[in-house]
Amino acid sequence: MSLNILVDKKQIIVEDNGIGIKKANKSKIFSAFFTTKPSSKTVSGISSYLVKRIICENHKGDITFESEYGKGSKFIITLPDKNK
């Protein structure tokens, strides 16, 4: 059980039951051009990097994640509540 008390903030939580992220890759997940996919012309490894930049720089928010390899991942996006 978890309790999140947020003042003047909103959260979006995206969770999956996929393969998860290996411990060795967790520190690199938001790095530009990092990918675990085999090299090819269609894979750039830029998506999570761009998402983090958009959330942090454009919206003054934050994105974090929790993941256990073999069990899935949870991404938590925290944004300021502009209605407050």
N, C-alpha and C. Protein backbone atom coordinates (compact mmCIF):
# COMPACT_ATOMS: atom_id res chain seq x y z
N MET A 1 0.84 -1.18 0.00
CA MET A 1 0.00 0.00 0.00
C MET A 1 0.88 1.24 0.00
N SER A 2 0.50 2.22 -0.79
CA SER A 2 1.28 3.46 -0.82
C SER A 2 0.34 4.65 -0.67
N LEU A 3 0.86 5.69 -0.08
CA LEU A 3 0.11 6.92 0.12
C LEU A 3 0.92 8.06 -0.46
N ASN A 4 0.34 8.76 -1.42
CA ASN A 4 0.99 9.91 -2.02
C ASN A 4 0.21 11.16 -1.65
N ILE A 5 0.84 12.06 -0.91
CA ILE A 5 0.21 13.33 -0.57
C ILE A 5 0.88 14.40 -1.44
N LEU A 6 0.11 14.94 -2.34
CA LEU A 6 0.64 15.93 -3.26
C LEU A 6 -0.12 17.24 -3.08
N VAL A 7 0.60 18.31 -2.88
CA VAL A 7 -0.01 19.62 -2.76
C VAL A 7 0.29 20.38 -4.05
N ASP A 8 -0.74 20.85 -4.70
CA ASP A 8 -0.62 21.60 -5.94
C ASP A 8 0.07 20.81 -7.05
N LYS A 9 -0.12 19.50 -7.06
CA LYS A 9 0.46 18.65 -8.11
C LYS A 9 -0.54 17.60 -8.53
N LYS A 10 -0.36 17.08 -9.73
CA LYS A 10 -1.16 15.97 -10.25
C LYS A 10 -0.21 14.88 -10.71
N GLN A 11 -0.67 13.64 -10.63
CA GLN A 11 0.16 12.52 -11.09
C GLN A 11 -0.57 11.71 -12.13
N ILE A 12 0.22 11.23 -13.08
CA ILE A 12 -0.24 10.26 -14.06
C ILE A 12 0.65 9.04 -13.88
N ILE A 13 0.05 7.89 -13.68
CA ILE A 13 0.82 6.66 -13.47
C ILE A 13 0.49 5.70 -14.60
N VAL A 14 1.54 5.25 -15.28
CA VAL A 14 1.41 4.29 -16.37
C VAL A 14 2.16 3.04 -15.95
N GLU A 15 1.45 1.92 -15.91
CA GLU A 15 2.02 0.68 -15.41
C GLU A 15 1.79 -0.43 -16.42
N ASP A 16 2.77 -1.32 -16.54
CA ASP A 16 2.60 -2.47 -17.42
C ASP A 16 3.06 -3.74 -16.72
N ASN A 17 2.78 -4.85 -17.34
CA ASN A 17 3.23 -6.14 -16.81
C ASN A 17 4.19 -6.80 -17.79
N GLY A 18 4.97 -5.96 -18.47
CA GLY A 18 5.94 -6.45 -19.45
C GLY A 18 7.16 -7.03 -18.77
N ILE A 19 8.25 -7.06 -19.50
CA ILE A 19 9.47 -7.70 -19.01
C ILE A 19 10.20 -6.86 -17.96
N GLY A 20 9.93 -5.57 -17.89
CA GLY A 20 10.61 -4.73 -16.92
C GLY A 20 11.97 -4.26 -17.42
N ILE A 21 12.69 -3.61 -16.54
CA ILE A 21 13.99 -3.02 -16.89
C ILE A 21 15.06 -3.65 -16.02
N LYS A 22 16.11 -4.13 -16.65
CA LYS A 22 17.22 -4.73 -15.90
C LYS A 22 17.89 -3.68 -15.04
N LYS A 23 18.38 -4.12 -13.89
CA LYS A 23 19.05 -3.22 -12.94
C LYS A 23 20.17 -2.43 -13.59
N ALA A 24 20.95 -3.08 -14.45
CA ALA A 24 22.08 -2.42 -15.12
C ALA A 24 21.64 -1.30 -16.06
N ASN A 25 20.39 -1.32 -16.51
CA ASN A 25 19.89 -0.31 -17.46
C ASN A 25 19.12 0.82 -16.79
N LYS A 26 18.79 0.69 -15.53
CA LYS A 26 17.94 1.69 -14.86
C LYS A 26 18.54 3.09 -14.87
N SER A 27 19.84 3.19 -14.68
CA SER A 27 20.46 4.53 -14.64
C SER A 27 20.56 5.16 -16.03
N LYS A 28 20.35 4.37 -17.08
CA LYS A 28 20.49 4.89 -18.45
C LYS A 28 19.16 5.13 -19.15
N ILE A 29 18.05 4.80 -18.50
CA ILE A 29 16.76 4.76 -19.18
C ILE A 29 16.35 6.10 -19.81
N PHE A 30 16.75 7.23 -19.21
CA PHE A 30 16.40 8.54 -19.77
C PHE A 30 17.56 9.18 -20.53
N SER A 31 18.60 8.42 -20.83
CA SER A 31 19.74 8.94 -21.59
C SER A 31 19.42 8.97 -23.08
N ALA A 32 19.89 10.02 -23.74
CA ALA A 32 19.69 10.14 -25.19
C ALA A 32 20.37 8.99 -25.91
N PHE A 33 19.68 8.41 -26.84
CA PHE A 33 20.16 7.35 -27.73
C PHE A 33 20.37 6.01 -27.05
N PHE A 34 19.95 5.85 -25.78
CA PHE A 34 20.06 4.55 -25.13
C PHE A 34 18.91 3.65 -25.60
N THR A 35 19.23 2.44 -25.99
CA THR A 35 18.23 1.46 -26.36
C THR A 35 18.73 0.07 -26.01
N THR A 36 17.81 -0.81 -25.74
CA THR A 36 18.17 -2.22 -25.52
C THR A 36 17.87 -3.04 -26.76
N LYS A 37 17.33 -2.39 -27.77
CA LYS A 37 16.99 -3.08 -29.02
C LYS A 37 18.24 -3.28 -29.87
N PRO A 38 18.26 -4.34 -30.67
CA PRO A 38 19.38 -4.52 -31.61
C PRO A 38 19.47 -3.32 -32.55
N SER A 39 20.65 -2.93 -32.90
CA SER A 39 20.85 -1.77 -33.79
C SER A 39 20.13 -1.96 -35.11
N SER A 40 19.48 -0.90 -35.52
CA SER A 40 18.85 -0.87 -36.84
C SER A 40 18.60 0.59 -37.19
N LYS A 41 18.18 0.83 -38.41
CA LYS A 41 17.95 2.19 -38.86
C LYS A 41 16.69 2.79 -38.24
N THR A 42 15.76 1.97 -37.76
CA THR A 42 14.50 2.49 -37.23
C THR A 42 14.52 2.71 -35.72
N VAL A 43 15.54 2.26 -35.04
CA VAL A 43 15.60 2.41 -33.58
C VAL A 43 16.63 3.47 -33.23
N SER A 44 16.17 4.56 -32.56
CA SER A 44 17.10 5.64 -32.23
C SER A 44 17.38 5.74 -30.73
N GLY A 45 16.51 5.18 -29.87
CA GLY A 45 16.71 5.28 -28.44
C GLY A 45 16.54 6.69 -27.91
N ILE A 46 15.64 7.45 -28.48
CA ILE A 46 15.48 8.85 -28.08
C ILE A 46 14.16 9.11 -27.36
N SER A 47 13.23 8.18 -27.39
CA SER A 47 11.87 8.41 -26.88
C SER A 47 11.82 8.80 -25.41
N SER A 48 12.37 8.00 -24.52
CA SER A 48 12.27 8.32 -23.09
C SER A 48 13.04 9.59 -22.75
N TYR A 49 14.12 9.84 -23.44
CA TYR A 49 14.89 11.08 -23.26
C TYR A 49 14.02 12.29 -23.59
N LEU A 50 13.32 12.23 -24.73
CA LEU A 50 12.47 13.35 -25.14
C LEU A 50 11.28 13.52 -24.21
N VAL A 51 10.69 12.43 -23.77
CA VAL A 51 9.56 12.51 -22.84
C VAL A 51 10.00 13.23 -21.57
N LYS A 52 11.14 12.85 -21.02
CA LYS A 52 11.65 13.49 -19.79
C LYS A 52 11.89 14.98 -20.01
N ARG A 53 12.50 15.34 -21.13
CA ARG A 53 12.75 16.76 -21.41
C ARG A 53 11.46 17.55 -21.53
N ILE A 54 10.48 17.00 -22.23
CA ILE A 54 9.19 17.70 -22.39
C ILE A 54 8.51 17.89 -21.04
N ILE A 55 8.48 16.84 -20.23
CA ILE A 55 7.83 16.93 -18.93
C ILE A 55 8.56 17.91 -18.01
N CYS A 56 9.87 17.82 -17.95
CA CYS A 56 10.65 18.66 -17.04
C CYS A 56 10.77 20.10 -17.52
N GLU A 57 11.16 20.30 -18.76
CA GLU A 57 11.42 21.65 -19.26
C GLU A 57 10.16 22.41 -19.66
N ASN A 58 9.26 21.75 -20.38
CA ASN A 58 8.07 22.45 -20.87
C ASN A 58 6.97 22.57 -19.83
N HIS A 59 6.86 21.56 -18.95
CA HIS A 59 5.75 21.52 -18.01
C HIS A 59 6.17 21.66 -16.55
N LYS A 60 7.48 21.81 -16.30
CA LYS A 60 8.01 21.97 -14.94
C LYS A 60 7.60 20.82 -14.02
N GLY A 61 7.55 19.62 -14.59
CA GLY A 61 7.18 18.43 -13.83
C GLY A 61 8.36 17.49 -13.68
N ASP A 62 8.04 16.24 -13.41
CA ASP A 62 9.08 15.23 -13.24
C ASP A 62 8.52 13.87 -13.67
N ILE A 63 9.41 12.98 -14.05
CA ILE A 63 9.04 11.61 -14.36
C ILE A 63 10.03 10.68 -13.67
N THR A 64 9.50 9.69 -13.00
CA THR A 64 10.31 8.68 -12.35
C THR A 64 9.75 7.31 -12.73
N PHE A 65 10.45 6.27 -12.36
CA PHE A 65 9.93 4.94 -12.63
C PHE A 65 10.36 3.95 -11.57
N GLU A 66 9.60 2.89 -11.50
CA GLU A 66 9.92 1.74 -10.67
C GLU A 66 9.82 0.54 -11.59
N SER A 67 10.75 -0.38 -11.48
CA SER A 67 10.71 -1.54 -12.35
C SER A 67 11.42 -2.72 -11.70
N GLU A 68 10.83 -3.88 -11.89
CA GLU A 68 11.46 -5.11 -11.46
C GLU A 68 11.54 -6.01 -12.69
N TYR A 69 12.75 -6.40 -13.03
CA TYR A 69 12.94 -7.21 -14.24
C TYR A 69 12.14 -8.51 -14.12
N GLY A 70 11.40 -8.79 -15.15
CA GLY A 70 10.55 -9.98 -15.18
C GLY A 70 9.14 -9.74 -14.68
N LYS A 71 8.88 -8.54 -14.14
CA LYS A 71 7.55 -8.27 -13.57
C LYS A 71 6.88 -7.03 -14.13
N GLY A 72 7.60 -6.12 -14.76
CA GLY A 72 6.98 -4.93 -15.32
C GLY A 72 7.54 -3.64 -14.79
N SER A 73 6.94 -2.54 -15.23
CA SER A 73 7.42 -1.21 -14.89
C SER A 73 6.25 -0.29 -14.57
N LYS A 74 6.55 0.74 -13.79
CA LYS A 74 5.58 1.78 -13.48
C LYS A 74 6.28 3.11 -13.67
N PHE A 75 5.73 3.97 -14.52
CA PHE A 75 6.24 5.32 -14.74
C PHE A 75 5.29 6.30 -14.07
N ILE A 76 5.86 7.22 -13.29
CA ILE A 76 5.08 8.19 -12.54
C ILE A 76 5.43 9.59 -13.04
N ILE A 77 4.45 10.26 -13.62
CA ILE A 77 4.62 11.62 -14.12
C ILE A 77 3.95 12.55 -13.11
N THR A 78 4.70 13.51 -12.59
CA THR A 78 4.17 14.48 -11.64
C THR A 78 4.23 15.85 -12.28
N LEU A 79 3.08 16.52 -12.31
CA LEU A 79 2.97 17.83 -12.95
C LEU A 79 2.37 18.83 -11.97
N PRO A 80 2.77 20.10 -12.09
CA PRO A 80 2.13 21.12 -11.25
C PRO A 80 0.66 21.23 -11.62
N ASP A 81 -0.18 21.46 -10.61
CA ASP A 81 -1.61 21.66 -10.84
C ASP A 81 -1.83 23.12 -11.18
N LYS A 82 -2.08 23.39 -12.43
CA LYS A 82 -2.23 24.78 -12.88
C LYS A 82 -3.57 25.38 -12.46
N ASN A 83 -4.46 24.56 -11.90
CA ASN A 83 -5.75 25.05 -11.44
C ASN A 83 -5.70 25.58 -10.02
N LYS A 84 -4.55 25.45 -9.36
CA LYS A 84 -4.41 25.89 -7.95
C LYS A 84 -3.79 27.27 -7.90
